[in-house]
């Protein structure tokens, strides 16, 4: 299922589902398109809902890292919401855990 974006004031929540990997190029392409559009609008808070992600590979991770860099350059905030344990293990193993901010609740964001 392609990524879905929900906008609340200056906060955009992007919901991901399934495998975010090179095998699902459409998911990656749609994610890049949604993130680029959100960043062009000078979004202040970008939240990626990872709750339904089943797997992520280097292409998905690279897309998230690109979004983190761009939103920080704009003075915004970036969060990963409800990251599943198996995805978090990938972040830890690849030593990118510290790049992202994490949250388990959406209250107070918009």
C-alpha atoms as a PDB file:
ATOM      1  CA  UNK A   1       0.000   0.000   0.000  1.00  0.00           C
ATOM      2  CA  UNK A   2       1.422   3.413  -0.924  1.00  0.00           C
ATOM      3  CA  UNK A   3       2.294   5.951   1.779  1.00  0.00           C
ATOM      4  CA  UNK A   4      -0.538   8.201   2.918  1.00  0.00           C
ATOM      5  CA  UNK A   5      -0.123  11.758   4.250  1.00  0.00           C
ATOM      6  CA  UNK A   6      -2.349  13.530   6.757  1.00  0.00           C
ATOM      7  CA  UNK A   7      -1.843  17.258   7.331  1.00  0.00           C
ATOM      8  CA  UNK A   8      -2.705  18.973  10.597  1.00  0.00           C
ATOM      9  CA  UNK A   9      -1.693  22.660  10.682  1.00  0.00           C
ATOM     10  CA  UNK A  10       2.105  22.664  10.201  1.00  0.00           C
ATOM     11  CA  UNK A  11       2.437  18.956  11.070  1.00  0.00           C
ATOM     12  CA  UNK A  12       2.340  16.218   8.438  1.00  0.00           C
ATOM     13  CA  UNK A  13       1.941  12.576   9.385  1.00  0.00           C
ATOM     14  CA  UNK A  14       2.957  10.036   6.741  1.00  0.00           C
ATOM     15  CA  UNK A  15       1.632   6.518   7.255  1.00  0.00           C
ATOM     16  CA  UNK A  16       3.675   3.630   5.876  1.00  0.00           C
ATOM     17  CA  UNK A  17       2.535   0.046   5.457  1.00  0.00           C
ATOM     18  CA  UNK A  18       4.253  -3.177   4.452  1.00  0.00           C
ATOM     19  CA  UNK A  19       7.783  -3.542   3.130  1.00  0.00           C
ATOM     20  CA  UNK A  20       9.688  -0.319   2.454  1.00  0.00           C
ATOM     21  CA  UNK A  21      12.402  -1.721   0.216  1.00  0.00           C
ATOM     22  CA  UNK A  22      13.837  -1.797  -3.287  1.00  0.00           C
ATOM     23  CA  UNK A  23      11.462  -4.612  -4.245  1.00  0.00           C
ATOM     24  CA  UNK A  24       8.566  -2.215  -3.700  1.00  0.00           C
ATOM     25  CA  UNK A  25       9.818   0.642  -5.855  1.00  0.00           C
ATOM     26  CA  UNK A  26       6.339   2.149  -6.010  1.00  0.00           C
ATOM     27  CA  UNK A  27       6.288   2.525  -2.207  1.00  0.00           C
ATOM     28  CA  UNK A  28       9.728   4.165  -2.235  1.00  0.00           C
ATOM     29  CA  UNK A  29       8.834   6.474  -5.145  1.00  0.00           C
ATOM     30  CA  UNK A  30       5.545   7.511  -3.512  1.00  0.00           C
ATOM     31  CA  UNK A  31       7.299   8.063  -0.185  1.00  0.00           C
ATOM     32  CA  UNK A  32       9.904  10.296  -1.847  1.00  0.00           C
ATOM     33  CA  UNK A  33       7.172  12.243  -3.637  1.00  0.00           C
ATOM     34  CA  UNK A  34       5.131  12.767  -0.458  1.00  0.00           C
ATOM     35  CA  UNK A  35       8.189  13.766   1.571  1.00  0.00           C
ATOM     36  CA  UNK A  36       9.389  16.186  -1.121  1.00  0.00           C
ATOM     37  CA  UNK A  37       5.952  17.801  -1.291  1.00  0.00           C
ATOM     38  CA  UNK A  38       5.789  18.131   2.510  1.00  0.00           C
ATOM     39  CA  UNK A  39       9.263  19.650   2.680  1.00  0.00           C
ATOM     40  CA  UNK A  40       8.480  22.176  -0.063  1.00  0.00           C
ATOM     41  CA  UNK A  41       5.565  23.396   2.076  1.00  0.00           C
ATOM     42  CA  UNK A  42       7.981  24.253   4.905  1.00  0.00           C
ATOM     43  CA  UNK A  43       6.412  21.706   7.230  1.00  0.00           C
ATOM     44  CA  UNK A  44       7.418  22.306  10.859  1.00  0.00           C
ATOM     45  CA  UNK A  45       6.850  18.746  12.073  1.00  0.00           C
ATOM     46  CA  UNK A  46       7.113  15.600   9.984  1.00  0.00           C
ATOM     47  CA  UNK A  47       6.029  12.348  11.600  1.00  0.00           C
ATOM     48  CA  UNK A  48       6.446   8.979   9.896  1.00  0.00           C
ATOM     49  CA  UNK A  49       4.004   6.383  11.219  1.00  0.00           C
ATOM     50  CA  UNK A  50       5.997   3.138  11.125  1.00  0.00           C
ATOM     51  CA  UNK A  51       3.425   1.072  13.034  1.00  0.00           C
ATOM     52  CA  UNK A  52       2.493  -1.116  10.041  1.00  0.00           C
ATOM     53  CA  UNK A  53       5.951  -1.414   8.461  1.00  0.00           C
ATOM     54  CA  UNK A  54       7.008  -5.041   8.114  1.00  0.00           C
ATOM     55  CA  UNK A  55      10.524  -4.472   6.730  1.00  0.00           C
ATOM     56  CA  UNK A  56      12.809  -1.649   5.635  1.00  0.00           C
ATOM     57  CA  UNK A  57      16.033  -1.881   3.614  1.00  0.00           C
ATOM     58  CA  UNK A  58      18.772   0.606   2.750  1.00  0.00           C
ATOM     59  CA  UNK A  59      16.668   2.348   0.093  1.00  0.00           C
ATOM     60  CA  UNK A  60      13.910   3.043   2.617  1.00  0.00           C
ATOM     61  CA  UNK A  61      16.411   4.077   5.286  1.00  0.00           C
ATOM     62  CA  UNK A  62      18.145   6.391   2.800  1.00  0.00           C
ATOM     63  CA  UNK A  63      14.837   8.056   1.982  1.00  0.00           C
ATOM     64  CA  UNK A  64      14.169   8.687   5.687  1.00  0.00           C
ATOM     65  CA  UNK A  65      17.679  10.058   6.234  1.00  0.00           C
ATOM     66  CA  UNK A  66      17.242  12.439   3.285  1.00  0.00           C
ATOM     67  CA  UNK A  67      13.998  13.722   4.836  1.00  0.00           C
ATOM     68  CA  UNK A  68      15.649  14.178   8.260  1.00  0.00           C
ATOM     69  CA  UNK A  69      18.453  16.266   6.760  1.00  0.00           C
ATOM     70  CA  UNK A  70      16.100  18.476   4.769  1.00  0.00           C
ATOM     71  CA  UNK A  71      13.616  19.148   7.551  1.00  0.00           C
ATOM     72  CA  UNK A  72      16.421  19.959  10.005  1.00  0.00           C
ATOM     73  CA  UNK A  73      17.865  22.422   7.459  1.00  0.00           C
ATOM     74  CA  UNK A  74      14.449  24.120   7.445  1.00  0.00           C
ATOM     75  CA  UNK A  75      14.403  24.283  11.239  1.00  0.00           C
ATOM     76  CA  UNK A  76      11.714  21.613  11.531  1.00  0.00           C
ATOM     77  CA  UNK A  77      11.308  18.439  13.551  1.00  0.00           C
ATOM     78  CA  UNK A  78      11.286  14.807  12.397  1.00  0.00           C
ATOM     79  CA  UNK A  79       9.884  11.828  14.315  1.00  0.00           C
ATOM     80  CA  UNK A  80       9.359   8.134  13.728  1.00  0.00           C
ATOM     81  CA  UNK A  81       6.126   6.995  15.360  1.00  0.00           C
ATOM     82  CA  UNK A  82       5.631   3.502  16.795  1.00  0.00           C
ATOM     83  CA  UNK A  83       8.631   1.791  15.209  1.00  0.00           C
ATOM     84  CA  UNK A  84       8.208  -2.017  15.410  1.00  0.00           C
ATOM     85  CA  UNK A  85      10.899  -3.895  17.348  1.00  0.00           C
ATOM     86  CA  UNK A  86      12.197  -5.737  14.268  1.00  0.00           C
ATOM     87  CA  UNK A  87      12.610  -2.456  12.374  1.00  0.00           C
ATOM     88  CA  UNK A  88      14.310  -0.894  15.402  1.00  0.00           C
ATOM     89  CA  UNK A  89      16.741  -3.839  15.396  1.00  0.00           C
ATOM     90  CA  UNK A  90      17.684  -2.955  11.811  1.00  0.00           C
ATOM     91  CA  UNK A  91      18.345   0.640  12.913  1.00  0.00           C
ATOM     92  CA  UNK A  92      20.510  -0.560  15.804  1.00  0.00           C
ATOM     93  CA  UNK A  93      22.451  -3.070  13.683  1.00  0.00           C
ATOM     94  CA  UNK A  94      23.146  -0.463  11.017  1.00  0.00           C
ATOM     95  CA  UNK A  95      24.120   2.077  13.711  1.00  0.00           C
ATOM     96  CA  UNK A  96      21.631   4.699  12.549  1.00  0.00           C
ATOM     97  CA  UNK A  97      19.427   4.510  15.644  1.00  0.00           C
ATOM     98  CA  UNK A  98      20.615   7.909  16.924  1.00  0.00           C
ATOM     99  CA  UNK A  99      19.779   9.782  13.716  1.00  0.00           C
ATOM    100  CA  UNK A 100      16.040   9.727  14.364  1.00  0.00           C
ATOM    101  CA  UNK A 101      13.725  11.023  17.090  1.00  0.00           C
ATOM    102  CA  UNK A 102      11.089   8.538  18.232  1.00  0.00           C
ATOM    103  CA  UNK A 103       7.616   8.886  19.720  1.00  0.00           C
ATOM    104  CA  UNK A 104       4.813   6.561  20.759  1.00  0.00           C
ATOM    105  CA  UNK A 105       2.085   9.194  21.177  1.00  0.00           C
ATOM    106  CA  UNK A 106       0.872  11.915  18.843  1.00  0.00           C
ATOM    107  CA  UNK A 107      -0.540  14.209  21.510  1.00  0.00           C
ATOM    108  CA  UNK A 108       1.067  17.621  21.581  1.00  0.00           C
ATOM    109  CA  UNK A 109       2.220  17.612  17.963  1.00  0.00           C
ATOM    110  CA  UNK A 110      -0.583  19.567  16.321  1.00  0.00           C
END
